[in-house]
């Protein structure tokens, strides 16, 4: 439990440092405090408006799908790299490089995850505004809002924002790789 809380806090800190956002924007676009920006452009009412809505909804779903594939693949790659770092039969230089590659993978994954999240949130905000203006039922709200609408209690562990948990997990692996690389370089210098 303490490890989960620490990882969640680390993820939130890294997310804020990397994205520069004060709020991840569960109810709106990242950094807007849950408010929909006024500059969102909508199609004029007509036959093309529904088609445009369907295209944006499909694109948002695509961002959502990609957002969870990237960190899963990255964690698998980082696990392989950390296996190389831990393998004493591997060459010393190879182990150091593998550790630094784990850090690079953490950086790249964080960047891509935050970009996918931003794109998904922007499309969600556009869709919510479209639904409001059209007088439709708002189906593209955040999961916390949808749960509150139907009076579903959210368990404690489900309250953490998933992208922050993934970022924290990715950085745990990245920091392990960095620590191992630094340790290997220092220990090699001490042996000579």
N, C-alpha and C. Protein backbone atom coordinates (compact mmCIF):
# COMPACT_ATOMS: atom_id res chain seq x y z
N UNK A 1 0.82 -1.19 0.00
CA UNK A 1 0.00 0.00 0.00
C UNK A 1 0.87 1.25 0.00
N UNK A 2 1.89 1.27 0.85
CA UNK A 2 2.78 2.43 0.91
C UNK A 2 3.52 2.60 -0.41
N UNK A 3 3.90 1.49 -1.04
CA UNK A 3 4.60 1.56 -2.32
C UNK A 3 3.69 2.15 -3.39
N UNK A 4 2.41 1.78 -3.36
CA UNK A 4 1.47 2.31 -4.34
C UNK A 4 1.31 3.82 -4.15
N UNK A 5 1.20 4.26 -2.91
CA UNK A 5 1.03 5.69 -2.63
C UNK A 5 2.28 6.45 -3.08
N UNK A 6 3.46 5.90 -2.78
CA UNK A 6 4.71 6.55 -3.20
C UNK A 6 4.79 6.61 -4.72
N UNK A 7 4.43 5.53 -5.39
CA UNK A 7 4.47 5.50 -6.86
C UNK A 7 3.47 6.50 -7.44
N UNK A 8 2.30 6.60 -6.83
CA UNK A 8 1.29 7.54 -7.30
C UNK A 8 1.77 8.98 -7.14
N UNK A 9 2.38 9.27 -5.99
CA UNK A 9 2.90 10.61 -5.76
C UNK A 9 4.05 10.93 -6.71
N UNK A 10 4.93 9.95 -6.96
CA UNK A 10 6.03 10.14 -7.89
C UNK A 10 5.49 10.39 -9.30
N UNK A 11 4.47 9.62 -9.69
CA UNK A 11 3.86 9.81 -11.00
C UNK A 11 3.26 11.19 -11.16
N UNK A 12 2.57 11.68 -10.11
CA UNK A 12 1.97 13.01 -10.16
C UNK A 12 3.05 14.07 -10.27
N UNK A 13 4.13 13.90 -9.51
CA UNK A 13 5.23 14.87 -9.54
C UNK A 13 5.88 14.90 -10.91
N UNK A 14 6.18 13.72 -11.45
CA UNK A 14 6.84 13.65 -12.76
C UNK A 14 5.91 14.20 -13.83
N UNK A 15 4.62 13.88 -13.73
CA UNK A 15 3.65 14.38 -14.70
C UNK A 15 3.63 15.90 -14.69
N UNK A 16 3.64 16.49 -13.51
CA UNK A 16 3.63 17.96 -13.40
C UNK A 16 4.93 18.54 -13.92
N UNK A 17 6.06 17.89 -13.61
CA UNK A 17 7.35 18.40 -14.06
C UNK A 17 7.45 18.34 -15.58
N UNK A 18 7.02 17.23 -16.16
CA UNK A 18 7.17 17.03 -17.59
C UNK A 18 6.16 17.85 -18.38
N UNK A 19 4.90 17.86 -17.93
CA UNK A 19 3.86 18.53 -18.70
C UNK A 19 3.70 20.00 -18.35
N UNK A 20 4.12 20.39 -17.15
CA UNK A 20 3.96 21.77 -16.73
C UNK A 20 2.53 22.10 -16.34
N UNK A 21 1.67 21.11 -16.23
CA UNK A 21 0.27 21.33 -15.89
C UNK A 21 0.09 21.28 -14.38
N UNK A 22 -0.76 22.16 -13.86
CA UNK A 22 -1.09 22.11 -12.45
C UNK A 22 -2.18 21.08 -12.19
N UNK A 23 -2.98 20.80 -13.22
CA UNK A 23 -4.11 19.88 -13.09
C UNK A 23 -4.12 18.99 -14.32
N UNK A 24 -4.37 17.70 -14.12
CA UNK A 24 -4.37 16.82 -15.28
C UNK A 24 -5.68 16.89 -16.03
N UNK A 25 -6.67 17.58 -15.49
CA UNK A 25 -7.90 17.84 -16.24
C UNK A 25 -8.76 16.63 -16.45
N UNK A 26 -9.18 15.95 -15.40
CA UNK A 26 -10.05 14.79 -15.57
C UNK A 26 -11.35 15.20 -16.23
N UNK A 27 -11.86 16.39 -15.89
CA UNK A 27 -13.14 16.81 -16.42
C UNK A 27 -13.01 17.70 -17.64
N UNK A 28 -11.83 17.96 -18.13
CA UNK A 28 -11.65 18.82 -19.28
C UNK A 28 -10.27 18.65 -19.87
N UNK A 29 -9.82 19.67 -20.52
CA UNK A 29 -8.52 19.62 -21.15
C UNK A 29 -7.44 19.83 -20.09
N UNK A 30 -6.32 19.13 -20.23
CA UNK A 30 -5.25 19.21 -19.24
C UNK A 30 -4.85 20.67 -19.02
N UNK A 31 -4.75 21.03 -17.74
CA UNK A 31 -4.31 22.36 -17.38
C UNK A 31 -5.40 23.41 -17.33
N UNK A 32 -6.66 23.04 -17.57
CA UNK A 32 -7.73 24.02 -17.57
C UNK A 32 -8.57 23.96 -16.31
N UNK A 33 -8.22 23.09 -15.38
CA UNK A 33 -8.99 22.99 -14.14
C UNK A 33 -10.37 22.43 -14.36
N UNK A 34 -10.56 21.66 -15.43
CA UNK A 34 -11.85 21.03 -15.67
C UNK A 34 -12.80 21.87 -16.51
N UNK A 35 -12.40 23.09 -16.91
CA UNK A 35 -13.26 23.94 -17.72
C UNK A 35 -12.97 23.71 -19.18
N UNK A 36 -14.02 23.76 -19.99
CA UNK A 36 -13.84 23.61 -21.42
C UNK A 36 -13.43 24.95 -22.02
N UNK A 37 -12.36 24.99 -22.78
CA UNK A 37 -11.94 26.26 -23.36
C UNK A 37 -12.96 26.75 -24.38
N UNK A 38 -13.07 28.05 -24.51
CA UNK A 38 -14.05 28.65 -25.42
C UNK A 38 -13.61 28.57 -26.88
N UNK A 39 -12.34 28.36 -27.14
CA UNK A 39 -11.85 28.40 -28.51
C UNK A 39 -12.12 27.12 -29.30
N UNK A 40 -12.78 26.14 -28.71
CA UNK A 40 -13.08 24.91 -29.42
C UNK A 40 -14.06 25.21 -30.55
N UNK A 41 -13.71 24.82 -31.75
CA UNK A 41 -14.55 25.08 -32.92
C UNK A 41 -15.45 23.87 -33.18
N UNK A 42 -16.70 24.15 -33.45
CA UNK A 42 -17.66 23.10 -33.73
C UNK A 42 -18.22 23.29 -35.13
N UNK A 43 -18.64 22.18 -35.72
CA UNK A 43 -19.27 22.26 -37.03
C UNK A 43 -20.62 22.95 -36.89
N UNK A 44 -21.00 23.68 -37.93
CA UNK A 44 -22.34 24.28 -37.91
C UNK A 44 -23.36 23.16 -38.01
N UNK A 45 -24.52 23.35 -37.39
CA UNK A 45 -25.54 22.31 -37.46
C UNK A 45 -25.84 21.95 -38.91
N UNK A 46 -25.96 20.70 -39.15
CA UNK A 46 -26.23 20.23 -40.50
C UNK A 46 -25.86 18.77 -40.62
N UNK A 47 -25.94 18.26 -41.84
CA UNK A 47 -25.69 16.83 -42.03
C UNK A 47 -24.23 16.46 -41.79
N UNK A 48 -23.29 17.39 -41.97
CA UNK A 48 -21.88 17.09 -41.76
C UNK A 48 -21.49 17.12 -40.28
N UNK A 49 -22.30 17.74 -39.44
CA UNK A 49 -21.96 17.86 -38.03
C UNK A 49 -21.89 16.49 -37.36
N UNK A 50 -22.84 15.62 -37.62
CA UNK A 50 -22.86 14.29 -37.00
C UNK A 50 -21.68 13.47 -37.52
N UNK A 51 -21.36 13.60 -38.79
CA UNK A 51 -20.21 12.89 -39.35
C UNK A 51 -18.92 13.37 -38.69
N UNK A 52 -18.81 14.68 -38.50
CA UNK A 52 -17.62 15.22 -37.84
C UNK A 52 -17.54 14.71 -36.40
N UNK A 53 -18.68 14.64 -35.72
CA UNK A 53 -18.73 14.11 -34.36
C UNK A 53 -18.24 12.66 -34.33
N UNK A 54 -18.69 11.85 -35.29
CA UNK A 54 -18.28 10.44 -35.33
C UNK A 54 -16.78 10.30 -35.60
N UNK A 55 -16.24 11.16 -36.44
CA UNK A 55 -14.82 11.10 -36.75
C UNK A 55 -14.00 11.45 -35.51
N UNK A 56 -14.38 12.51 -34.81
CA UNK A 56 -13.65 12.91 -33.60
C UNK A 56 -13.78 11.84 -32.52
N UNK A 57 -14.97 11.23 -32.39
CA UNK A 57 -15.16 10.17 -31.39
C UNK A 57 -14.27 8.96 -31.71
N UNK A 58 -14.16 8.60 -32.98
CA UNK A 58 -13.29 7.49 -33.36
C UNK A 58 -11.82 7.82 -33.11
N UNK A 59 -11.44 9.07 -33.39
CA UNK A 59 -10.06 9.48 -33.15
C UNK A 59 -9.74 9.45 -31.66
N UNK A 60 -10.69 9.91 -30.83
CA UNK A 60 -10.48 9.88 -29.39
C UNK A 60 -10.30 8.46 -28.90
N UNK A 61 -11.08 7.53 -29.42
CA UNK A 61 -10.95 6.13 -29.03
C UNK A 61 -9.59 5.58 -29.45
N UNK A 62 -9.11 6.01 -30.62
CA UNK A 62 -7.80 5.57 -31.09
C UNK A 62 -6.69 6.07 -30.16
N UNK A 63 -6.79 7.33 -29.73
CA UNK A 63 -5.82 7.86 -28.77
C UNK A 63 -5.86 7.06 -27.47
N UNK A 64 -7.06 6.73 -27.02
CA UNK A 64 -7.21 5.97 -25.78
C UNK A 64 -6.57 4.60 -25.90
N UNK A 65 -6.80 3.93 -27.03
CA UNK A 65 -6.20 2.61 -27.24
C UNK A 65 -4.68 2.67 -27.24
N UNK A 66 -4.12 3.64 -27.96
CA UNK A 66 -2.67 3.78 -28.05
C UNK A 66 -2.06 4.16 -26.71
N UNK A 67 -2.80 4.97 -25.95
CA UNK A 67 -2.26 5.47 -24.69
C UNK A 67 -1.92 4.34 -23.74
N UNK A 68 -2.63 3.25 -23.78
CA UNK A 68 -2.37 2.15 -22.84
C UNK A 68 -1.47 1.07 -23.45
N UNK A 69 -1.30 1.07 -24.76
CA UNK A 69 -0.39 0.12 -25.38
C UNK A 69 1.06 0.53 -25.18
N UNK A 70 1.33 1.82 -25.29
CA UNK A 70 2.70 2.34 -25.21
C UNK A 70 3.37 1.99 -23.88
N UNK A 71 2.77 2.31 -22.73
CA UNK A 71 3.49 2.00 -21.49
C UNK A 71 3.62 0.50 -21.23
N UNK A 72 2.67 -0.29 -21.69
CA UNK A 72 2.77 -1.74 -21.49
C UNK A 72 3.96 -2.30 -22.26
N UNK A 73 4.12 -1.87 -23.49
CA UNK A 73 5.26 -2.33 -24.29
C UNK A 73 6.57 -1.79 -23.70
N UNK A 74 6.54 -0.55 -23.25
CA UNK A 74 7.74 0.05 -22.66
C UNK A 74 8.18 -0.68 -21.40
N UNK A 75 7.24 -1.03 -20.54
CA UNK A 75 7.60 -1.75 -19.31
C UNK A 75 8.22 -3.11 -19.64
N UNK A 76 7.69 -3.76 -20.67
CA UNK A 76 8.28 -5.04 -21.08
C UNK A 76 9.71 -4.83 -21.57
N UNK A 77 9.92 -3.79 -22.37
CA UNK A 77 11.27 -3.51 -22.88
C UNK A 77 12.21 -3.13 -21.74
N UNK A 78 11.72 -2.35 -20.79
CA UNK A 78 12.56 -1.97 -19.66
C UNK A 78 12.90 -3.17 -18.78
N UNK A 79 11.97 -4.11 -18.66
CA UNK A 79 12.25 -5.33 -17.89
C UNK A 79 13.39 -6.11 -18.54
N UNK A 80 13.37 -6.19 -19.88
CA UNK A 80 14.46 -6.88 -20.59
C UNK A 80 15.78 -6.15 -20.36
N UNK A 81 15.75 -4.82 -20.45
CA UNK A 81 16.97 -4.04 -20.24
C UNK A 81 17.50 -4.21 -18.82
N UNK A 82 16.62 -4.22 -17.83
CA UNK A 82 17.06 -4.42 -16.45
C UNK A 82 17.58 -5.84 -16.25
N UNK A 83 17.04 -6.80 -17.01
CA UNK A 83 17.58 -8.17 -16.97
C UNK A 83 19.01 -8.20 -17.47
N UNK A 84 19.29 -7.42 -18.50
CA UNK A 84 20.67 -7.33 -19.01
C UNK A 84 21.58 -6.68 -17.97
N UNK A 85 21.08 -5.62 -17.32
CA UNK A 85 21.87 -4.93 -16.30
C UNK A 85 22.21 -5.88 -15.15
N UNK A 86 21.25 -6.70 -14.77
CA UNK A 86 21.45 -7.61 -13.63
C UNK A 86 22.28 -8.83 -13.98
N UNK A 87 22.41 -9.14 -15.26
CA UNK A 87 23.14 -10.34 -15.68
C UNK A 87 24.64 -10.09 -15.59
N UNK A 88 25.29 -10.75 -14.67
CA UNK A 88 26.73 -10.55 -14.47
C UNK A 88 27.57 -11.15 -15.59
N UNK A 89 26.98 -12.04 -16.40
CA UNK A 89 27.75 -12.61 -17.51
C UNK A 89 27.78 -11.67 -18.72
N UNK A 90 26.95 -10.61 -18.69
CA UNK A 90 26.99 -9.61 -19.77
C UNK A 90 28.20 -8.73 -19.57
N UNK A 91 28.66 -8.13 -20.64
CA UNK A 91 29.81 -7.23 -20.55
C UNK A 91 29.48 -6.00 -19.72
N UNK A 92 30.49 -5.44 -19.07
CA UNK A 92 30.30 -4.29 -18.18
C UNK A 92 29.70 -3.10 -18.93
N UNK A 93 30.28 -2.76 -20.09
CA UNK A 93 29.80 -1.63 -20.88
C UNK A 93 28.36 -1.86 -21.34
N UNK A 94 28.06 -3.08 -21.76
CA UNK A 94 26.71 -3.42 -22.18
C UNK A 94 25.69 -3.25 -21.07
N UNK A 95 26.09 -3.59 -19.86
CA UNK A 95 25.20 -3.44 -18.71
C UNK A 95 24.94 -1.96 -18.41
N UNK A 96 25.99 -1.15 -18.50
CA UNK A 96 25.83 0.30 -18.26
C UNK A 96 24.92 0.91 -19.33
N UNK A 97 25.16 0.55 -20.58
CA UNK A 97 24.34 1.08 -21.68
C UNK A 97 22.89 0.65 -21.52
N UNK A 98 22.65 -0.59 -21.15
CA UNK A 98 21.28 -1.07 -20.96
C UNK A 98 20.56 -0.27 -19.87
N UNK A 99 21.27 0.07 -18.81
CA UNK A 99 20.67 0.90 -17.75
C UNK A 99 20.28 2.27 -18.25
N UNK A 100 21.16 2.89 -19.04
CA UNK A 100 20.83 4.20 -19.58
C UNK A 100 19.72 4.12 -20.63
N UNK A 101 19.66 3.02 -21.37
CA UNK A 101 18.55 2.84 -22.31
C UNK A 101 17.21 2.74 -21.58
N UNK A 102 17.22 2.15 -20.38
CA UNK A 102 15.98 2.09 -19.58
C UNK A 102 15.52 3.49 -19.22
N UNK A 103 16.45 4.39 -18.92
CA UNK A 103 16.10 5.79 -18.63
C UNK A 103 15.54 6.45 -19.89
N UNK A 104 16.19 6.22 -21.02
CA UNK A 104 15.70 6.78 -22.28
C UNK A 104 14.30 6.28 -22.61
N UNK A 105 14.05 5.01 -22.35
CA UNK A 105 12.71 4.46 -22.59
C UNK A 105 11.69 5.11 -21.68
N UNK A 106 12.06 5.39 -20.44
CA UNK A 106 11.14 6.06 -19.51
C UNK A 106 10.82 7.47 -20.00
N UNK A 107 11.84 8.19 -20.47
CA UNK A 107 11.61 9.54 -21.00
C UNK A 107 10.70 9.52 -22.22
N UNK A 108 11.01 8.64 -23.17
CA UNK A 108 10.22 8.57 -24.40
C UNK A 108 8.78 8.14 -24.10
N UNK A 109 8.62 7.19 -23.20
CA UNK A 109 7.28 6.72 -22.85
C UNK A 109 6.48 7.82 -22.18
N UNK A 110 7.11 8.56 -21.26
CA UNK A 110 6.42 9.65 -20.59
C UNK A 110 5.98 10.71 -21.59
N UNK A 111 6.88 11.07 -22.50
CA UNK A 111 6.54 12.05 -23.52
C UNK A 111 5.36 11.60 -24.36
N UNK A 112 5.43 10.38 -24.86
CA UNK A 112 4.37 9.87 -25.72
C UNK A 112 3.05 9.71 -24.97
N UNK A 113 3.11 9.21 -23.75
CA UNK A 113 1.90 9.03 -22.95
C UNK A 113 1.22 10.37 -22.68
N UNK A 114 2.00 11.38 -22.33
CA UNK A 114 1.41 12.70 -22.06
C UNK A 114 0.85 13.33 -23.33
N UNK A 115 1.50 13.11 -24.45
CA UNK A 115 0.97 13.65 -25.71
C UNK A 115 -0.34 12.95 -26.09
N UNK A 116 -0.37 11.63 -25.95
CA UNK A 116 -1.60 10.90 -26.24
C UNK A 116 -2.72 11.34 -25.30
N UNK A 117 -2.38 11.54 -24.03
CA UNK A 117 -3.37 11.99 -23.04
C UNK A 117 -3.91 13.37 -23.41
N UNK A 118 -3.01 14.27 -23.79
CA UNK A 118 -3.44 15.61 -24.18
C UNK A 118 -4.38 15.56 -25.38
N UNK A 119 -4.03 14.76 -26.38
CA UNK A 119 -4.89 14.64 -27.56
C UNK A 119 -6.24 14.04 -27.21
N UNK A 120 -6.23 13.02 -26.37
CA UNK A 120 -7.47 12.39 -25.95
C UNK A 120 -8.35 13.39 -25.18
N UNK A 121 -7.75 14.14 -24.26
CA UNK A 121 -8.50 15.12 -23.47
C UNK A 121 -9.05 16.24 -24.35
N UNK A 122 -8.28 16.69 -25.33
CA UNK A 122 -8.77 17.73 -26.23
C UNK A 122 -9.98 17.24 -27.02
N UNK A 123 -9.91 16.01 -27.54
CA UNK A 123 -11.06 15.46 -28.26
C UNK A 123 -12.25 15.24 -27.34
N UNK A 124 -11.98 14.81 -26.10
CA UNK A 124 -13.08 14.62 -25.14
C UNK A 124 -13.77 15.95 -24.87
N UNK A 125 -13.01 17.02 -24.70
CA UNK A 125 -13.58 18.35 -24.46
C UNK A 125 -14.42 18.79 -25.66
N UNK A 126 -13.90 18.55 -26.87
CA UNK A 126 -14.64 18.91 -28.08
C UNK A 126 -15.96 18.14 -28.15
N UNK A 127 -15.89 16.85 -27.87
CA UNK A 127 -17.10 16.02 -27.92
C UNK A 127 -18.11 16.44 -26.86
N UNK A 128 -17.64 16.75 -25.65
CA UNK A 128 -18.55 17.20 -24.58
C UNK A 128 -19.25 18.49 -24.99
N UNK A 129 -18.51 19.43 -25.54
CA UNK A 129 -19.11 20.69 -25.97
C UNK A 129 -20.11 20.46 -27.10
N UNK A 130 -19.77 19.58 -28.02
CA UNK A 130 -20.69 19.26 -29.12
C UNK A 130 -21.99 18.68 -28.55
N UNK A 131 -21.86 17.73 -27.62
CA UNK A 131 -23.04 17.11 -27.02
C UNK A 131 -23.88 18.14 -26.27
N UNK A 132 -23.24 19.06 -25.56
CA UNK A 132 -23.97 20.10 -24.84
C UNK A 132 -24.73 21.00 -25.79
N UNK A 133 -24.06 21.45 -26.85
CA UNK A 133 -24.70 22.35 -27.81
C UNK A 133 -25.82 21.67 -28.59
N UNK A 134 -25.65 20.39 -28.84
CA UNK A 134 -26.68 19.66 -29.60
C UNK A 134 -27.84 19.24 -28.70
N UNK A 135 -27.68 19.40 -27.38
CA UNK A 135 -28.73 18.99 -26.45
C UNK A 135 -28.75 17.48 -26.24
N UNK A 136 -27.65 16.82 -26.52
CA UNK A 136 -27.56 15.37 -26.37
C UNK A 136 -27.15 15.03 -24.94
N UNK A 137 -27.35 13.78 -24.60
CA UNK A 137 -26.84 13.25 -23.35
C UNK A 137 -25.31 13.24 -23.44
N UNK A 138 -24.64 13.77 -22.43
CA UNK A 138 -23.18 13.85 -22.46
C UNK A 138 -22.59 12.47 -22.13
N UNK A 139 -22.10 11.79 -23.15
CA UNK A 139 -21.52 10.46 -22.95
C UNK A 139 -20.00 10.48 -22.90
N UNK A 140 -19.40 11.59 -23.24
CA UNK A 140 -17.94 11.67 -23.26
C UNK A 140 -17.38 12.40 -22.04
N UNK A 141 -18.05 12.26 -20.93
CA UNK A 141 -17.55 12.84 -19.68
C UNK A 141 -16.45 11.94 -19.13
N UNK A 142 -15.72 12.46 -18.15
CA UNK A 142 -14.70 11.67 -17.48
C UNK A 142 -15.34 10.54 -16.68
N UNK A 143 -14.56 9.51 -16.40
CA UNK A 143 -15.10 8.34 -15.70
C UNK A 143 -15.59 8.68 -14.30
N UNK A 144 -14.91 9.60 -13.62
CA UNK A 144 -15.36 9.99 -12.28
C UNK A 144 -16.72 10.67 -12.34
N UNK A 145 -16.93 11.53 -13.32
CA UNK A 145 -18.21 12.21 -13.48
C UNK A 145 -19.32 11.22 -13.82
N UNK A 146 -19.02 10.28 -14.71
CA UNK A 146 -20.03 9.27 -15.06
C UNK A 146 -20.41 8.43 -13.85
N UNK A 147 -19.43 8.07 -13.03
CA UNK A 147 -19.71 7.28 -11.83
C UNK A 147 -20.57 8.07 -10.85
N UNK A 148 -20.26 9.35 -10.69
CA UNK A 148 -21.06 10.19 -9.79
C UNK A 148 -22.48 10.33 -10.29
N UNK A 149 -22.67 10.43 -11.62
CA UNK A 149 -24.01 10.58 -12.19
C UNK A 149 -24.93 9.43 -11.82
N UNK A 150 -24.36 8.22 -11.72
CA UNK A 150 -25.18 7.04 -11.42
C UNK A 150 -24.97 6.55 -10.00
N UNK A 151 -24.31 7.38 -9.17
CA UNK A 151 -24.10 7.11 -7.75
C UNK A 151 -23.32 5.82 -7.50
N UNK A 152 -22.25 5.63 -8.27
CA UNK A 152 -21.36 4.49 -8.07
C UNK A 152 -20.16 4.97 -7.27
N UNK A 153 -19.88 4.27 -6.18
CA UNK A 153 -18.74 4.62 -5.33
C UNK A 153 -17.45 4.11 -5.98
N UNK A 154 -16.44 4.97 -6.01
CA UNK A 154 -15.16 4.60 -6.60
C UNK A 154 -14.23 4.09 -5.51
N UNK A 155 -13.73 2.85 -5.64
CA UNK A 155 -12.79 2.33 -4.65
C UNK A 155 -11.53 3.18 -4.58
N UNK A 156 -10.87 3.15 -3.43
CA UNK A 156 -9.69 3.99 -3.18
C UNK A 156 -8.62 3.79 -4.26
N UNK A 157 -8.30 2.56 -4.57
CA UNK A 157 -7.23 2.31 -5.54
C UNK A 157 -7.61 2.73 -6.96
N UNK A 158 -8.90 2.85 -7.24
CA UNK A 158 -9.34 3.24 -8.58
C UNK A 158 -9.39 4.76 -8.74
N UNK A 159 -9.15 5.50 -7.66
CA UNK A 159 -9.23 6.96 -7.74
C UNK A 159 -7.99 7.57 -8.38
N UNK A 160 -6.89 6.88 -8.35
CA UNK A 160 -5.67 7.41 -8.97
C UNK A 160 -5.86 7.49 -10.48
N UNK A 161 -5.34 8.53 -11.07
CA UNK A 161 -5.46 8.68 -12.52
C UNK A 161 -4.52 7.68 -13.18
N UNK A 162 -5.04 6.86 -14.08
CA UNK A 162 -4.25 5.76 -14.66
C UNK A 162 -2.97 6.22 -15.34
N UNK A 163 -3.00 7.33 -16.05
CA UNK A 163 -1.78 7.75 -16.74
C UNK A 163 -0.68 8.10 -15.74
N UNK A 164 -1.04 8.60 -14.58
CA UNK A 164 -0.03 8.90 -13.55
C UNK A 164 0.56 7.62 -12.98
N UNK A 165 -0.27 6.60 -12.81
CA UNK A 165 0.23 5.31 -12.31
C UNK A 165 1.20 4.70 -13.32
N UNK A 166 0.85 4.76 -14.61
CA UNK A 166 1.74 4.22 -15.64
C UNK A 166 3.04 5.00 -15.70
N UNK A 167 2.97 6.31 -15.58
CA UNK A 167 4.20 7.12 -15.61
C UNK A 167 5.07 6.76 -14.42
N UNK A 168 4.47 6.64 -13.24
CA UNK A 168 5.24 6.28 -12.05
C UNK A 168 5.89 4.90 -12.21
N UNK A 169 5.14 3.94 -12.75
CA UNK A 169 5.69 2.60 -12.96
C UNK A 169 6.85 2.63 -13.94
N UNK A 170 6.68 3.39 -15.00
CA UNK A 170 7.73 3.52 -16.00
C UNK A 170 8.99 4.13 -15.39
N UNK A 171 8.80 5.13 -14.55
CA UNK A 171 9.95 5.80 -13.94
C UNK A 171 10.60 4.96 -12.85
N UNK A 172 9.87 4.08 -12.22
CA UNK A 172 10.50 3.16 -11.27
C UNK A 172 11.53 2.32 -12.02
N UNK A 173 11.15 1.79 -13.17
CA UNK A 173 12.08 1.01 -13.99
C UNK A 173 13.22 1.89 -14.49
N UNK A 174 12.90 3.10 -14.95
CA UNK A 174 13.93 4.00 -15.46
C UNK A 174 14.94 4.38 -14.39
N UNK A 175 14.46 4.68 -13.19
CA UNK A 175 15.36 5.05 -12.10
C UNK A 175 16.19 3.86 -11.62
N UNK A 176 15.61 2.67 -11.69
CA UNK A 176 16.41 1.47 -11.38
C UNK A 176 17.54 1.31 -12.39
N UNK A 177 17.23 1.53 -13.65
CA UNK A 177 18.27 1.46 -14.68
C UNK A 177 19.34 2.50 -14.48
N UNK A 178 18.94 3.73 -14.15
CA UNK A 178 19.91 4.79 -13.90
C UNK A 178 20.77 4.47 -12.69
N UNK A 179 20.14 4.02 -11.62
CA UNK A 179 20.89 3.67 -10.40
C UNK A 179 21.89 2.56 -10.68
N UNK A 180 21.44 1.55 -11.42
CA UNK A 180 22.34 0.44 -11.73
C UNK A 180 23.51 0.90 -12.59
N UNK A 181 23.24 1.77 -13.57
CA UNK A 181 24.32 2.26 -14.44
C UNK A 181 25.33 3.07 -13.66
N UNK A 182 24.83 3.95 -12.81
CA UNK A 182 25.74 4.78 -12.00
C UNK A 182 26.55 3.88 -11.06
N UNK A 183 25.89 2.91 -10.43
CA UNK A 183 26.59 2.00 -9.53
C UNK A 183 27.67 1.22 -10.28
N UNK A 184 27.34 0.74 -11.48
CA UNK A 184 28.32 -0.02 -12.26
C UNK A 184 29.51 0.84 -12.66
N UNK A 185 29.25 2.11 -13.02
CA UNK A 185 30.35 3.00 -13.40
C UNK A 185 31.22 3.33 -12.19
N UNK A 186 30.60 3.58 -11.05
CA UNK A 186 31.36 3.92 -9.84
C UNK A 186 32.17 2.71 -9.37
N UNK A 187 31.52 1.54 -9.38
CA UNK A 187 32.21 0.34 -8.93
C UNK A 187 33.37 -0.02 -9.86
N UNK A 188 33.22 0.24 -11.14
CA UNK A 188 34.31 -0.04 -12.08
C UNK A 188 35.49 0.88 -11.81
N UNK A 189 35.20 2.14 -11.47
CA UNK A 189 36.26 3.08 -11.13
C UNK A 189 36.95 2.72 -9.84
N UNK A 190 36.20 2.17 -8.89
CA UNK A 190 36.78 1.78 -7.61
C UNK A 190 37.66 0.55 -7.73
N UNK A 191 37.36 -0.31 -8.72
CA UNK A 191 38.14 -1.53 -8.90
C UNK A 191 39.48 -1.24 -9.59
N UNK A 192 39.57 -0.16 -10.33
CA UNK A 192 40.80 0.11 -11.08
C UNK A 192 41.79 0.88 -10.28
